[in-house]
Amino acid sequence: MIYEIRFLKEALNNIDSIADYTLRDWGENQMNSYLDGLFLVIESLKKTPETKGLDRSYLHPNLRSVMYESHYYIFYRINLRHVEITRVLHTKSNWLKCR
């Protein structure tokens, strides 16, 4: 089964913040490269999201996360026909935000 990817507003806000930070501190080329990689990881969740990442159900029922690079976690939930990206948080962030 191929799942549809959906984003919560909070996740889109997280991605916008990551883009703004990367553009400001590292430039447009790095921002584009970083976001391309981030979306490749997200797209990889379409095929077998249940086998990727770690179970984070202790934070919220049915929550999982997969790491991007070494400093961002992509939090997601698997529903009947889609993968819902809930947050994209730095590893040093307060993970309770991903509820």
Protein backbone atom coordinates (compact mmCIF):
# COMPACT_ATOMS: atom_id res chain seq x y z
CA MET A 1 0.00 0.00 0.00
CA ILE A 2 1.16 3.52 -0.80
CA TYR A 3 0.14 6.04 1.84
CA GLU A 4 -0.72 9.67 1.17
CA ILE A 5 1.39 12.19 3.10
CA ARG A 6 -0.48 14.89 5.03
CA PHE A 7 0.98 17.69 7.13
CA LEU A 8 -0.46 19.26 10.24
CA LYS A 9 -0.20 23.05 10.31
CA GLU A 10 2.34 22.81 13.13
CA ALA A 11 4.63 20.62 11.02
CA LEU A 12 4.45 23.08 8.13
CA ASN A 13 5.29 25.90 10.55
CA ASN A 14 8.28 23.87 11.79
CA ILE A 15 9.51 23.36 8.22
CA ASP A 16 9.11 27.07 7.47
CA SER A 17 11.18 27.91 10.55
CA ILE A 18 13.89 25.45 9.52
CA ALA A 19 13.96 26.99 6.04
CA ASP A 20 14.18 30.53 7.42
CA TYR A 21 16.98 29.62 9.82
CA THR A 22 18.97 27.73 7.18
CA LEU A 23 18.58 30.51 4.62
CA ARG A 24 19.62 33.19 7.11
CA ASP A 25 22.62 31.33 8.52
CA TRP A 26 23.77 29.10 5.67
CA GLY A 27 22.41 30.53 2.40
CA GLU A 28 19.96 29.58 -0.32
CA ASN A 29 21.88 26.63 -1.77
CA GLN A 30 22.17 24.96 1.64
CA MET A 31 18.51 25.66 2.41
CA ASN A 32 17.41 24.05 -0.86
CA SER A 33 19.67 21.05 -0.33
CA TYR A 34 18.52 20.60 3.27
CA LEU A 35 14.83 20.83 2.43
CA ASP A 36 15.24 18.45 -0.52
CA GLY A 37 16.74 15.89 1.85
CA LEU A 38 14.05 16.45 4.45
CA PHE A 39 11.29 15.86 1.91
CA LEU A 40 13.03 12.74 0.58
CA VAL A 41 12.85 11.25 4.07
CA ILE A 42 9.20 12.25 4.37
CA GLU A 43 8.41 10.76 0.93
CA SER A 44 10.08 7.50 2.00
CA LEU A 45 7.31 7.11 4.59
CA LYS A 46 4.76 6.52 1.81
CA LYS A 47 5.70 2.88 1.34
CA THR A 48 6.36 1.29 4.72
CA PRO A 49 5.94 3.85 7.50
CA GLU A 50 5.37 1.17 10.11
CA THR A 51 8.88 -0.22 9.61
CA LYS A 52 10.68 3.12 9.73
CA GLY A 53 11.59 5.21 12.70
CA LEU A 54 10.94 4.65 16.36
CA ASP A 55 7.78 4.09 18.33
CA ARG A 56 6.97 7.23 20.35
CA SER A 57 3.60 6.09 21.70
CA TYR A 58 4.76 7.07 25.19
CA LEU A 59 4.38 10.68 23.96
CA HIS A 60 1.12 10.20 22.07
CA PRO A 61 -0.79 7.10 20.87
CA ASN A 62 0.35 5.84 17.46
CA LEU A 63 3.19 8.38 17.24
CA ARG A 64 6.45 7.48 15.51
CA SER A 65 9.55 9.45 14.57
CA VAL A 66 12.31 9.20 12.03
CA MET A 67 15.53 11.19 12.20
CA TYR A 68 16.72 13.52 9.47
CA GLU A 69 20.45 14.22 9.40
CA SER A 70 21.58 14.14 13.01
CA HIS A 71 19.51 16.90 14.50
CA TYR A 72 15.85 16.83 13.42
CA TYR A 73 13.08 14.37 14.19
CA ILE A 74 10.10 14.02 11.90
CA PHE A 75 7.15 12.95 14.03
CA TYR A 76 4.26 11.16 12.32
CA ARG A 77 1.18 9.04 12.82
CA ILE A 78 -0.07 6.30 10.54
CA ASN A 79 -3.78 6.36 9.76
CA LEU A 80 -5.81 4.08 7.49
CA ARG A 81 -4.70 5.64 4.21
CA HIS A 82 -2.26 8.36 5.06
CA VAL A 83 0.80 9.30 7.06
CA GLU A 84 0.25 12.46 9.05
CA ILE A 85 3.38 14.52 9.69
CA THR A 86 2.72 16.10 13.08
CA ARG A 87 5.93 18.00 13.83
CA VAL A 88 9.52 18.43 12.67
CA LEU A 89 11.58 19.24 15.76
CA HIS A 90 15.23 19.72 16.57
CA THR A 91 16.66 16.97 18.75
CA LYS A 92 17.13 19.52 21.54
CA SER A 93 13.50 20.70 21.40
CA ASN A 94 10.83 19.93 23.93
CA TRP A 95 9.30 16.74 22.50
CA LEU A 96 6.11 17.27 24.42
CA LYS A 97 5.24 19.74 21.63
CA CYS A 98 4.65 16.83 19.25
CA ARG A 99 1.41 15.74 20.95
